[in-house]
Amino acid sequence: MVNLFNKLFRSGGVRGRPSLPPGRRVYAIGDIHGRLDLLSTLADAIDRDDRAAEEAETTIILLGDLVDRGPDSRGVLEFARNWSQLCDLRILLGNHEEMFLNAFYEKGVFRGFLRFGGVQTLASYGLDAEQMIDMDFPEIKHRLTRAVPKSDRVFMHSFEHSIRMGDYLFVHAGIHPKVPLDQQDDHDCRWIREPFLSHKGDLGCMVVHGHTVKAQPELCDHRIGIDTGAYESGLLTALRLEGTDRRLIQAEERDSGIGIRNVPANSAEDFELLVPESL
């Protein structure tokens, strides 16, 4: 494997390894997609890790797509809302939250929402999507409004579009490489793949994102992607950042239950130990 970590951050926007301000610690968690079992286990691991470390101002960032595809979107939203009362939790609006919220207003969007994982989301609220698909939209909206608590919708509306800390920019999907950081379009932050994913040059910061599923986290010169397809792979990834240090913490579904992987990620060798090629 190419020694990605030794190459990291040589671009002009960030000199040397990117860093957070002194006294700050961040845990960024990739796309959850209804996997409450993985999230709750990972949250416990993060709490233990944070309490065992030196005192710092800690922020936990969920990179969006809490809902759809997995079995318990409603439970994930409830867990996140409760978690936000216990710590500094910030949440990005993913494209799946956007589709879910917009499904209340247009039947075409509702149908698209169902095609991309909304069936499972509705099931977590006790709704049968198959029964609803041919209904007139006023009846669909009535059922949605009755089943999905207003508190959940207000909560999702509160999610952020991007978060900047030190040399890091946290977004759901990515940014447009040809647009200045302060002029990025919110739609790109939630939906973009190309030309972001294939871009090789400096972005002016280190972008941490989800949205695009990979079997293992992607660590590039200018971006770190941590969507490991939790809903299907059973692997939910968090990136721990403090100063110039980075570490990956993962909740992994195993035959014996859900386990935690937790090793330094300061070299390609560490990363190979954490995520074997068989994944």
Protein backbone atom coordinates (compact mmCIF):
# COMPACT_ATOMS: atom_id res chain seq x y z
CA MET A 1 0.00 0.00 0.00
CA VAL A 2 1.24 3.48 -0.83
CA ASN A 3 2.39 5.31 2.29
CA LEU A 4 -0.53 7.71 2.27
CA PHE A 5 0.19 9.19 5.65
CA ASN A 6 3.71 10.33 4.78
CA LYS A 7 2.25 12.11 1.74
CA LEU A 8 -0.59 13.76 3.62
CA PHE A 9 -0.97 17.50 3.61
CA ARG A 10 1.95 18.54 1.36
CA SER A 11 -0.39 20.80 -0.61
CA GLY A 12 -0.16 24.56 -0.27
CA GLY A 13 -3.35 25.08 1.73
CA VAL A 14 -2.12 23.22 4.80
CA ARG A 15 1.58 23.24 5.62
CA GLY A 16 2.72 19.98 7.21
CA ARG A 17 0.17 17.83 8.99
CA PRO A 18 -3.17 19.56 9.54
CA SER A 19 -4.09 20.29 13.12
CA LEU A 20 -6.80 21.38 15.49
CA PRO A 21 -6.29 24.31 17.85
CA PRO A 22 -4.62 23.45 21.18
CA GLY A 23 -7.01 22.00 23.73
CA ARG A 24 -9.52 20.77 21.13
CA ARG A 25 -10.50 17.17 20.37
CA VAL A 26 -12.88 16.01 17.64
CA TYR A 27 -14.54 12.69 16.88
CA ALA A 28 -16.14 12.66 13.41
CA ILE A 29 -18.52 9.78 12.64
CA GLY A 30 -19.41 8.65 9.14
CA ASP A 31 -22.82 7.80 7.66
CA ILE A 32 -24.94 5.85 10.17
CA HIS A 33 -28.00 5.02 8.02
CA GLY A 34 -30.24 3.64 10.72
CA ARG A 35 -27.66 1.41 12.43
CA LEU A 36 -28.46 2.33 16.03
CA ASP A 37 -26.69 -0.80 17.27
CA LEU A 38 -23.37 0.31 15.76
CA LEU A 39 -23.81 3.94 16.79
CA SER A 40 -24.57 3.20 20.43
CA THR A 41 -21.54 0.91 20.69
CA LEU A 42 -19.30 3.47 19.00
CA ALA A 43 -20.64 6.25 21.23
CA ASP A 44 -19.70 4.23 24.33
CA ALA A 45 -16.21 3.66 22.93
CA ILE A 46 -15.80 7.38 22.21
CA ASP A 47 -16.96 8.27 25.71
CA ARG A 48 -14.43 5.89 27.25
CA ASP A 49 -11.67 7.19 25.01
CA ASP A 50 -12.47 10.81 25.80
CA ARG A 51 -12.60 10.25 29.56
CA ALA A 52 -9.28 8.37 29.50
CA ALA A 53 -7.50 11.18 27.62
CA GLU A 54 -6.20 14.49 28.93
CA GLU A 55 -8.84 17.13 29.50
CA ALA A 56 -9.85 18.93 26.30
CA GLU A 57 -12.77 20.71 24.70
CA THR A 58 -14.36 17.80 22.86
CA THR A 59 -16.75 17.99 19.92
CA ILE A 60 -18.46 15.04 18.28
CA ILE A 61 -19.52 15.55 14.66
CA LEU A 62 -21.98 13.32 12.82
CA LEU A 63 -21.32 13.73 9.10
CA GLY A 64 -24.95 13.28 8.04
CA ASP A 65 -27.14 10.48 6.63
CA LEU A 66 -28.38 9.31 10.00
CA VAL A 67 -31.51 7.96 8.29
CA ASP A 68 -32.55 5.53 5.51
CA ARG A 69 -31.45 2.05 4.42
CA GLY A 70 -30.75 0.65 7.91
CA PRO A 71 -33.41 -0.72 10.29
CA ASP A 72 -33.81 2.03 12.92
CA SER A 73 -33.66 5.58 11.58
CA ARG A 74 -36.13 6.76 14.21
CA GLY A 75 -33.99 5.28 16.97
CA VAL A 76 -30.85 6.92 15.59
CA LEU A 77 -32.51 10.35 15.58
CA GLU A 78 -33.72 9.85 19.14
CA PHE A 79 -30.30 8.67 20.26
CA ALA A 80 -28.58 11.66 18.63
CA ARG A 81 -31.03 14.11 20.17
CA ASN A 82 -30.46 12.64 23.64
CA TRP A 83 -26.69 12.51 23.07
CA SER A 84 -26.69 16.21 22.21
CA GLN A 85 -27.90 16.93 25.75
CA LEU A 86 -24.81 15.25 27.21
CA CYS A 87 -21.97 16.59 25.06
CA ASP A 88 -21.04 19.06 22.34
CA LEU A 89 -22.62 17.19 19.44
CA ARG A 90 -22.86 18.83 16.02
CA ILE A 91 -24.65 17.21 13.10
CA LEU A 92 -24.37 17.82 9.37
CA LEU A 93 -27.37 17.62 7.06
CA GLY A 94 -26.92 14.73 4.65
CA ASN A 95 -28.65 14.24 1.33
CA HIS A 96 -30.84 11.56 2.92
CA GLU A 97 -32.13 13.93 5.61
CA GLU A 98 -32.81 16.41 2.82
CA MET A 99 -34.83 13.83 0.87
CA PHE A 100 -36.72 12.76 3.99
CA LEU A 101 -37.72 16.33 4.84
CA ASN A 102 -38.68 17.18 1.25
CA ALA A 103 -40.78 14.01 0.96
CA PHE A 104 -43.44 15.78 3.05
CA TYR A 105 -44.07 18.30 0.24
CA GLU A 106 -44.04 16.54 -3.15
CA LYS A 107 -45.05 13.07 -4.32
CA GLY A 108 -42.17 12.84 -6.81
CA VAL A 109 -39.68 13.47 -4.04
CA PHE A 110 -41.52 10.98 -1.83
CA ARG A 111 -41.10 8.29 -4.50
CA GLY A 112 -37.39 9.10 -4.81
CA PHE A 113 -37.03 8.96 -1.05
CA LEU A 114 -38.48 5.43 -1.08
CA ARG A 115 -36.11 4.29 -3.86
CA PHE A 116 -33.05 5.34 -1.88
CA GLY A 117 -33.75 3.73 1.48
CA GLY A 118 -36.85 5.52 2.69
CA VAL A 119 -38.84 2.28 2.89
CA GLN A 120 -36.80 1.24 5.92
CA THR A 121 -37.10 4.70 7.45
CA LEU A 122 -40.89 4.65 7.20
CA ALA A 123 -40.96 1.15 8.69
CA SER A 124 -39.11 2.47 11.75
CA TYR A 125 -42.05 4.88 12.21
CA GLY A 126 -44.62 2.09 11.78
CA LEU A 127 -45.55 2.98 8.19
CA ASP A 128 -45.92 0.53 5.30
CA ALA A 129 -44.46 2.19 2.19
CA GLU A 130 -46.03 -0.37 -0.13
CA GLN A 131 -49.49 0.64 1.06
CA MET A 132 -48.69 4.34 0.65
CA ILE A 133 -47.08 4.46 -2.78
CA ASP A 134 -50.34 4.66 -4.79
CA MET A 135 -52.19 6.97 -2.41
CA ASP A 136 -53.05 10.53 -3.32
CA PHE A 137 -50.39 12.85 -1.98
CA PRO A 138 -52.62 14.61 0.59
CA GLU A 139 -53.18 11.21 2.24
CA ILE A 140 -49.45 10.41 2.08
CA LYS A 141 -48.63 13.72 3.72
CA HIS A 142 -51.30 13.15 6.37
CA ARG A 143 -49.84 9.77 7.28
CA LEU A 144 -46.28 11.10 7.30
CA THR A 145 -47.20 14.03 9.49
CA ARG A 146 -49.03 11.82 11.98
CA ALA A 147 -46.29 9.17 12.17
CA VAL A 148 -43.11 11.28 12.15
CA PRO A 149 -43.02 13.53 15.23
CA LYS A 150 -42.61 17.23 14.60
CA SER A 151 -39.68 17.13 17.03
CA ASP A 152 -37.80 14.81 14.64
CA ARG A 153 -38.41 17.12 11.69
CA VAL A 154 -37.38 20.21 13.65
CA PHE A 155 -34.27 18.35 14.81
CA MET A 156 -33.24 17.49 11.25
CA HIS A 157 -33.89 21.07 10.12
CA SER A 158 -31.34 22.18 12.73
CA PHE A 159 -28.50 20.18 11.14
CA GLU A 160 -25.58 22.20 9.73
CA HIS A 161 -24.16 22.39 6.20
CA SER A 162 -20.45 22.50 7.07
CA ILE A 163 -18.17 22.88 10.08
CA ARG A 164 -14.67 24.39 10.06
CA MET A 165 -12.19 23.66 12.86
CA GLY A 166 -8.52 24.47 12.55
CA ASP A 167 -7.16 23.03 9.32
CA TYR A 168 -10.19 20.74 8.89
CA LEU A 169 -13.47 21.26 7.05
CA PHE A 170 -16.24 18.78 7.82
CA VAL A 171 -18.97 18.30 5.20
CA HIS A 172 -21.32 15.48 4.29
CA ALA A 173 -20.32 14.81 0.67
CA GLY A 174 -17.45 17.13 -0.26
CA ILE A 175 -16.83 20.50 -1.88
CA HIS A 176 -16.37 21.80 -5.41
CA PRO A 177 -12.61 22.06 -6.04
CA LYS A 178 -12.95 25.15 -8.26
CA VAL A 179 -15.06 27.19 -5.82
CA PRO A 180 -13.51 29.19 -2.93
CA LEU A 181 -14.21 27.74 0.51
CA ASP A 182 -16.34 30.70 1.56
CA GLN A 183 -18.50 30.41 -1.57
CA GLN A 184 -19.32 26.69 -1.51
CA ASP A 185 -22.87 25.74 -2.43
CA ASP A 186 -24.79 23.86 0.27
CA HIS A 187 -26.15 21.46 -2.35
CA ASP A 188 -22.60 20.44 -3.29
CA CYS A 189 -21.75 19.90 0.38
CA ARG A 190 -24.59 17.36 0.58
CA TRP A 191 -24.49 15.71 -2.86
CA ILE A 192 -21.20 16.15 -4.74
CA ARG A 193 -19.04 13.28 -5.92
CA GLU A 194 -17.29 14.53 -9.03
CA PRO A 195 -15.16 16.49 -9.60
CA PHE A 196 -14.41 16.33 -5.86
CA LEU A 197 -13.44 12.66 -5.53
CA SER A 198 -11.01 12.60 -8.45
CA HIS A 199 -9.45 15.98 -7.62
CA LYS A 200 -5.76 15.71 -6.71
CA GLY A 201 -4.77 19.29 -5.85
CA ASP A 202 -4.94 21.53 -2.82
CA LEU A 203 -8.37 22.41 -1.43
CA GLY A 204 -7.17 24.97 1.10
CA CYS A 205 -7.94 22.63 4.01
CA MET A 206 -8.29 18.96 4.85
CA VAL A 207 -11.85 17.92 4.00
CA VAL A 208 -13.43 15.19 6.15
CA HIS A 209 -16.53 13.69 4.53
CA GLY A 210 -18.86 10.74 4.17
CA HIS A 211 -21.46 10.09 1.41
CA THR A 212 -19.33 7.87 -0.84
CA VAL A 213 -19.08 4.31 0.46
CA LYS A 214 -15.70 2.57 0.55
CA ALA A 215 -14.73 -0.69 2.21
CA GLN A 216 -12.11 1.19 4.20
CA PRO A 217 -11.55 4.87 4.98
CA GLU A 218 -9.89 6.89 2.23
CA LEU A 219 -6.90 8.96 3.32
CA CYS A 220 -5.68 11.30 0.62
CA ASP A 221 -3.49 14.38 0.43
CA HIS A 222 -6.48 16.69 0.74
CA ARG A 223 -9.46 14.67 2.01
CA ILE A 224 -10.44 11.85 4.38
CA GLY A 225 -13.56 9.84 3.55
CA ILE A 226 -15.06 7.77 6.37
CA ASP A 227 -18.32 6.33 5.00
CA THR A 228 -17.70 2.60 5.33
CA GLY A 229 -21.28 1.58 4.41
CA ALA A 230 -22.46 0.77 7.93
CA TYR A 231 -25.98 -0.21 6.87
CA GLU A 232 -24.63 -3.05 4.70
CA SER A 233 -21.06 -3.74 5.84
CA GLY A 234 -21.68 -3.60 9.58
CA LEU A 235 -18.70 -1.23 9.92
CA LEU A 236 -19.18 2.30 11.33
CA THR A 237 -16.10 4.53 11.38
CA ALA A 238 -15.09 7.47 13.56
CA LEU A 239 -12.03 9.65 13.00
CA ARG A 240 -10.43 10.99 16.19
CA LEU A 241 -8.47 14.23 15.81
CA GLU A 242 -6.37 16.08 18.37
CA GLY A 243 -3.54 18.46 17.57
CA THR A 244 -1.82 16.80 14.61
CA ASP A 245 -2.71 13.27 15.76
CA ARG A 246 -5.30 11.07 14.07
CA ARG A 247 -6.82 7.76 15.06
CA LEU A 248 -9.59 5.58 13.65
CA ILE A 249 -12.18 4.04 15.97
CA GLN A 250 -14.61 1.58 14.39
CA ALA A 251 -17.64 -0.37 15.57
CA GLU A 252 -17.70 -3.66 13.72
CA GLU A 253 -20.46 -6.25 13.52
CA ARG A 254 -19.10 -9.71 14.31
CA ASP A 255 -20.57 -13.17 14.84
CA SER A 256 -20.13 -12.70 18.58
CA GLY A 257 -21.66 -9.20 18.63
CA ILE A 258 -20.35 -5.71 17.96
CA GLY A 259 -16.68 -5.09 18.67
CA ILE A 260 -14.43 -2.03 18.63
CA ARG A 261 -11.25 -1.49 16.62
CA ASN A 262 -9.09 1.28 18.00
CA VAL A 263 -5.50 1.90 16.82
CA PRO A 264 -3.34 4.90 15.92
CA ALA A 265 -3.54 5.97 12.29
CA ASN A 266 -0.28 7.84 11.94
CA SER A 267 1.23 5.53 9.34
CA ALA A 268 0.05 3.35 6.49
CA GLU A 269 1.22 0.31 8.47
CA ASP A 270 -1.17 1.20 11.32
CA PHE A 271 -3.98 1.57 8.82
CA GLU A 272 -3.28 -1.82 7.25
CA LEU A 273 -3.50 -3.44 10.69
CA LEU A 274 -6.81 -1.70 11.35
CA VAL A 275 -8.53 -2.48 8.06
CA PRO A 276 -7.30 -5.69 6.43
CA GLU A 277 -7.69 -6.20 2.70
CA SER A 278 -10.36 -8.88 3.29
CA LEU A 279 -12.82 -6.15 4.20
